[in-house]
Amino acid sequence: MISRLVAIMARLRDPVSGCEWDTVQTFETIAPYTIEEAYEVADAIQRGDMADFKDELGDLLLQVVFHARMAEEAGLFALPDVVASISDKMERRHPHIFGDLPEGGHYLWEQIKAEERAAKGGAADNAGALDGVALGLPALLRAEKLQKRAARTGFDWPDPSGARAKIDEELAEVEAAANPAEIEEEIGDLLFAVVNWARKMGVDPEAALRAANGKFEKRFKAMEAEAGDAFEGLNLDAKEALWQSVKRGMSVER
C-alpha cells in the first residue's frame, strides 16, 4: 500500500514532469511542515476526531516519504533504509521482547538510549548527559527533556518545594531586571523554572499549556458571542466582568 505513496512522491519530484512546487523543496523547507503535521496529529487526538486523525496521520506519513525521497535523490538513503533503521532500533531497545533478557528489561530503555548516544558521539566518557536533545523541539518540551536528562545525573530538586521556591527567585529577578534584554533573559529563566516545577509535580507542561490555551480560546469566544458586535467597544472592566460571567457559566456546565 505504501508503495503507491512512494510512487506518487517520485512522480511529484520528477525534475522534468513533476510538480513545480514539490521539485524545488529541500529538507530545510519541508521541515516546518513536518513539525506542523505532527502537531495536527496531536490536535486531532485532543479533539477526539478519529476521521481527522486518520487524515493527519496520512499527512505525517507523507512527510516521511517526502524526506526519504529527497534523501534517495541525494544518494544518502531511501525509505527502506528508514524502515530498517527504526526496526533495528525497536528490537535493540526491547531486549526483553526480542532478546534473551528476562521480563522487565524495558527498564533498560534509557540506558540503551544513552549507550546509543555515546556510540554516536564517540567514547562514552566524551558524551554529555544533555547530548542529543534536539534543538528543533518546541522550547517548552525541550526544557522538560533537558531537565529530565540532568535529573538522571542527580542534578535535581529532591522534592517539588525546591522547584517552587526557584520560581519566586526567578520572578524577583524579572522584577529587578534593568533593561529589555535582561527582562527577556529572566523571563526565560522563569519559564524554565515553571517547567521544572510542573515536572516535579508530575504534570506534563506541554499538555497543561495546551489545555490552558484551549480553555482560554473557548472562554474568549463565548465572551464574543455573548457581547456580540459590542464586544470590542467594551472597556477592560466590562470585559473582565464578562469573562467572569462566562467562567462561572462554564463551571456550572461541568
Protein backbone atom coordinates (compact mmCIF):
# COMPACT_ATOMS: atom_id res chain seq x y z
CA MET A 1 0.00 0.00 0.00
CA ILE A 2 2.77 2.43 0.87
CA SER A 3 4.41 1.71 -2.48
CA ARG A 4 1.64 3.74 -4.11
CA LEU A 5 2.52 6.77 -1.98
CA VAL A 6 6.22 6.29 -2.73
CA ALA A 7 5.44 6.23 -6.48
CA ILE A 8 3.31 9.37 -6.18
CA MET A 9 6.13 11.24 -4.46
CA ALA A 10 8.63 10.07 -7.07
CA ARG A 11 6.33 11.41 -9.77
CA LEU A 12 5.86 14.72 -7.97
CA ARG A 13 9.62 15.11 -7.60
CA ASP A 14 10.40 14.24 -11.23
CA PRO A 15 12.63 17.07 -12.48
CA VAL A 16 11.02 17.06 -15.92
CA SER A 17 7.34 16.26 -15.43
CA GLY A 18 6.92 16.75 -11.70
CA CYS A 19 5.11 19.41 -9.68
CA GLU A 20 6.78 22.81 -9.81
CA TRP A 21 6.39 23.20 -6.02
CA ASP A 22 7.50 19.73 -4.94
CA THR A 23 10.58 19.66 -7.17
CA VAL A 24 12.19 22.72 -5.56
CA GLN A 25 11.72 21.68 -1.93
CA THR A 26 14.62 20.77 0.35
CA PHE A 27 14.99 19.16 3.79
CA GLU A 28 15.08 22.65 5.29
CA THR A 29 11.95 23.94 3.54
CA ILE A 30 9.92 20.82 4.33
CA ALA A 31 10.98 20.56 7.99
CA PRO A 32 8.46 23.19 9.21
CA TYR A 33 5.64 21.26 7.53
CA THR A 34 6.79 18.07 9.23
CA ILE A 35 6.57 19.75 12.63
CA GLU A 36 3.19 21.27 11.77
CA GLU A 37 1.76 17.92 10.70
CA ALA A 38 2.89 16.29 13.95
CA TYR A 39 1.02 18.96 15.89
CA GLU A 40 -2.07 18.48 13.74
CA VAL A 41 -1.99 14.78 14.62
CA ALA A 42 -1.89 15.75 18.30
CA ASP A 43 -4.73 18.21 17.77
CA ALA A 44 -6.96 15.58 16.16
CA ILE A 45 -6.29 13.25 19.10
CA GLN A 46 -7.10 16.02 21.57
CA ARG A 47 -10.41 16.72 19.81
CA GLY A 48 -11.26 13.04 19.57
CA ASP A 49 -11.88 13.35 15.82
CA MET A 50 -10.85 9.93 14.53
CA ALA A 51 -11.64 10.70 10.88
CA ASP A 52 -9.38 13.74 11.03
CA PHE A 53 -6.83 11.70 12.99
CA LYS A 54 -6.64 9.23 10.12
CA ASP A 55 -6.13 12.04 7.59
CA GLU A 56 -3.49 13.77 9.71
CA LEU A 57 -1.56 10.53 10.15
CA GLY A 58 -1.54 10.28 6.38
CA ASP A 59 -0.19 13.83 6.11
CA LEU A 60 2.54 12.98 8.61
CA LEU A 61 3.41 9.81 6.72
CA LEU A 62 3.71 11.90 3.57
CA GLN A 63 6.36 13.99 5.30
CA VAL A 64 8.43 10.87 5.99
CA VAL A 65 8.11 9.73 2.38
CA PHE A 66 8.95 13.23 1.14
CA HIS A 67 12.16 13.45 3.18
CA ALA A 68 13.15 9.90 2.25
CA ARG A 69 12.63 10.64 -1.44
CA MET A 70 14.85 13.73 -1.29
CA ALA A 71 17.50 11.72 0.58
CA GLU A 72 17.34 8.99 -2.06
CA GLU A 73 17.82 11.56 -4.83
CA ALA A 74 20.89 12.85 -2.99
CA GLY A 75 22.30 9.33 -2.69
CA LEU A 76 22.03 9.35 1.12
CA PHE A 77 19.42 6.72 1.94
CA ALA A 78 15.94 5.58 0.87
CA LEU A 79 12.67 4.75 2.59
CA PRO A 80 13.57 1.05 3.10
CA ASP A 81 16.66 2.22 4.99
CA VAL A 82 14.47 4.38 7.24
CA VAL A 83 12.18 1.43 7.97
CA ALA A 84 15.12 -0.88 8.60
CA SER A 85 16.73 1.65 10.93
CA ILE A 86 13.67 2.08 13.16
CA SER A 87 13.02 -1.69 13.12
CA ASP A 88 16.56 -2.37 14.29
CA LYS A 89 16.25 0.31 16.98
CA MET A 90 12.98 -1.04 18.37
CA GLU A 91 14.36 -4.57 18.58
CA ARG A 92 17.57 -3.31 20.18
CA ARG A 93 15.70 -1.26 22.79
CA HIS A 94 13.38 -4.14 23.74
CA PRO A 95 15.83 -6.92 24.64
CA HIS A 96 13.24 -8.46 26.97
CA ILE A 97 10.93 -8.97 23.97
CA PHE A 98 13.30 -9.68 21.07
CA GLY A 99 16.37 -10.82 23.01
CA ASP A 100 17.17 -13.15 25.87
CA LEU A 101 16.72 -10.79 28.82
CA PRO A 102 14.11 -11.66 31.46
CA GLU A 103 10.81 -9.82 31.84
CA GLY A 104 11.28 -6.25 32.98
CA GLY A 105 14.02 -5.44 30.51
CA HIS A 106 12.00 -2.40 29.41
CA TYR A 107 13.65 -0.56 32.33
CA LEU A 108 16.85 -0.62 30.26
CA TRP A 109 15.28 1.66 27.61
CA GLU A 110 17.01 4.85 28.80
CA GLN A 111 20.29 3.04 29.44
CA ILE A 112 20.27 1.67 25.92
CA LYS A 113 19.45 5.11 24.52
CA ALA A 114 22.39 6.57 26.47
CA GLU A 115 24.70 3.91 25.05
CA GLU A 116 23.46 4.71 21.54
CA ARG A 117 24.13 8.42 22.08
CA ALA A 118 27.61 7.61 23.36
CA ALA A 119 28.30 5.45 20.31
CA LYS A 120 27.24 8.27 18.00
CA GLY A 121 29.35 10.82 19.83
CA GLY A 122 32.42 8.66 20.27
CA ALA A 123 33.73 7.33 23.55
CA ALA A 124 31.21 7.17 26.39
CA ASP A 125 33.29 9.45 28.62
CA ASN A 126 33.09 12.20 25.98
CA ALA A 127 29.30 12.06 25.74
CA GLY A 128 27.44 14.59 27.87
CA ALA A 129 24.16 13.84 29.59
CA LEU A 130 22.39 16.51 27.55
CA ASP A 131 23.73 15.39 24.17
CA GLY A 132 21.10 14.56 21.59
CA VAL A 133 18.21 16.69 22.87
CA ALA A 134 17.01 18.06 19.55
CA LEU A 135 17.34 21.81 19.00
CA GLY A 136 14.25 21.76 16.81
CA LEU A 137 11.91 20.75 19.65
CA PRO A 138 9.42 23.32 20.94
CA ALA A 139 11.13 25.28 23.72
CA LEU A 140 8.75 24.06 26.42
CA LEU A 141 9.24 20.41 25.52
CA ARG A 142 13.00 20.82 25.14
CA ALA A 143 13.23 22.41 28.58
CA GLU A 144 11.49 19.40 30.12
CA LYS A 145 13.74 16.94 28.30
CA LEU A 146 16.90 18.80 29.35
CA GLN A 147 15.70 18.77 32.95
CA LYS A 148 14.94 15.06 32.85
CA ARG A 149 18.38 14.32 31.44
CA ALA A 150 20.03 16.42 34.14
CA ALA A 151 17.92 14.71 36.81
CA ARG A 152 19.31 11.31 35.83
CA THR A 153 22.75 12.54 36.89
CA GLY A 154 21.41 13.54 40.31
CA PHE A 155 21.19 17.26 39.46
CA ASP A 156 17.59 17.76 40.58
CA TRP A 157 15.48 19.02 43.45
CA PRO A 158 14.66 16.24 45.91
CA ASP A 159 11.01 17.38 46.03
CA PRO A 160 8.71 19.99 44.42
CA SER A 161 9.31 22.59 47.14
CA GLY A 162 12.79 23.44 45.85
CA ALA A 163 11.49 23.91 42.32
CA ARG A 164 8.62 26.05 43.64
CA ALA A 165 10.99 28.32 45.57
CA LYS A 166 13.05 28.76 42.41
CA ILE A 167 10.00 30.31 40.72
CA ASP A 168 9.84 33.03 43.39
CA GLU A 169 13.56 33.64 42.98
CA GLU A 170 13.30 33.95 39.20
CA LEU A 171 10.21 36.18 39.43
CA ALA A 172 12.12 38.56 41.71
CA GLU A 173 14.94 38.66 39.17
CA VAL A 174 12.47 39.57 36.41
CA GLU A 175 11.17 42.45 38.50
CA ALA A 176 14.73 43.61 39.22
CA ALA A 177 15.83 43.48 35.58
CA ALA A 178 17.12 46.82 34.35
CA ASN A 179 16.59 46.67 30.58
CA PRO A 180 14.64 44.75 27.90
CA ALA A 181 17.46 42.28 27.27
CA GLU A 182 17.68 41.40 30.95
CA ILE A 183 13.89 41.14 31.22
CA GLU A 184 13.82 38.69 28.31
CA GLU A 185 16.60 36.61 29.82
CA GLU A 186 14.99 36.49 33.27
CA ILE A 187 11.55 35.65 31.88
CA GLY A 188 13.21 32.77 30.05
CA ASP A 189 14.65 31.59 33.36
CA LEU A 190 11.22 31.98 34.97
CA LEU A 191 9.55 29.86 32.30
CA PHE A 192 12.27 27.22 32.68
CA ALA A 193 11.65 27.17 36.43
CA VAL A 194 7.88 26.73 35.91
CA VAL A 195 8.53 23.78 33.60
CA ASN A 196 10.79 22.28 36.26
CA TRP A 197 8.11 22.68 38.94
CA ALA A 198 5.49 21.10 36.68
CA ARG A 199 7.83 18.15 36.09
CA LYS A 200 8.36 17.71 39.82
CA MET A 201 4.58 17.81 40.32
CA GLY A 202 4.12 15.04 37.76
CA VAL A 203 2.46 17.37 35.24
CA ASP A 204 3.26 17.38 31.53
CA PRO A 205 3.83 21.12 30.95
CA GLU A 206 3.20 20.91 27.21
CA ALA A 207 -0.15 19.19 27.75
CA ALA A 208 -1.06 21.57 30.58
CA LEU A 209 -0.35 24.65 28.46
CA ARG A 210 -2.20 23.14 25.50
CA ALA A 211 -5.24 22.63 27.73
CA ALA A 212 -4.94 26.18 29.07
CA ASN A 213 -4.81 27.53 25.52
CA GLY A 214 -7.95 25.60 24.65
CA LYS A 215 -9.74 26.81 27.77
CA PHE A 216 -8.82 30.45 27.07
CA GLU A 217 -9.92 30.15 23.46
CA LYS A 218 -13.27 28.64 24.43
CA ARG A 219 -13.98 31.29 27.07
CA PHE A 220 -12.91 34.18 24.86
CA LYS A 221 -15.15 33.01 22.02
CA ALA A 222 -18.02 32.71 24.50
CA MET A 223 -17.37 36.32 25.54
CA GLU A 224 -17.51 37.46 21.93
CA ALA A 225 -20.72 35.51 21.34
CA GLU A 226 -22.40 36.92 24.45
CA ALA A 227 -21.47 40.55 23.76
CA GLY A 228 -21.93 40.41 20.01
CA ASP A 229 -20.92 43.47 17.99
CA ALA A 230 -20.50 45.50 21.18
CA PHE A 231 -17.57 43.41 22.40
CA GLU A 232 -14.69 45.47 21.01
CA GLY A 233 -16.18 48.68 22.38
CA LEU A 234 -16.38 47.42 25.96
CA ASN A 235 -13.82 48.77 28.42
CA LEU A 236 -11.49 46.47 30.31
CA ASP A 237 -13.69 46.35 33.44
CA ALA A 238 -16.71 45.33 31.36
CA LYS A 239 -14.70 42.67 29.55
CA GLU A 240 -13.38 41.33 32.85
CA ALA A 241 -16.93 41.13 34.21
CA LEU A 242 -17.98 39.31 31.05
CA TRP A 243 -15.01 36.93 31.44
CA GLN A 244 -16.00 36.08 34.99
CA SER A 245 -19.60 35.51 33.91
CA VAL A 246 -18.53 33.15 31.13
CA LYS A 247 -16.13 31.38 33.51
CA ARG A 248 -18.89 30.80 36.07
CA GLY A 249 -21.27 29.58 33.38
CA MET A 250 -18.78 27.05 32.04
CA SER A 251 -18.03 25.85 35.56
CA VAL A 252 -21.75 25.18 36.09
CA GLU A 253 -21.92 23.26 32.78
CA ARG A 254 -19.27 20.86 34.03
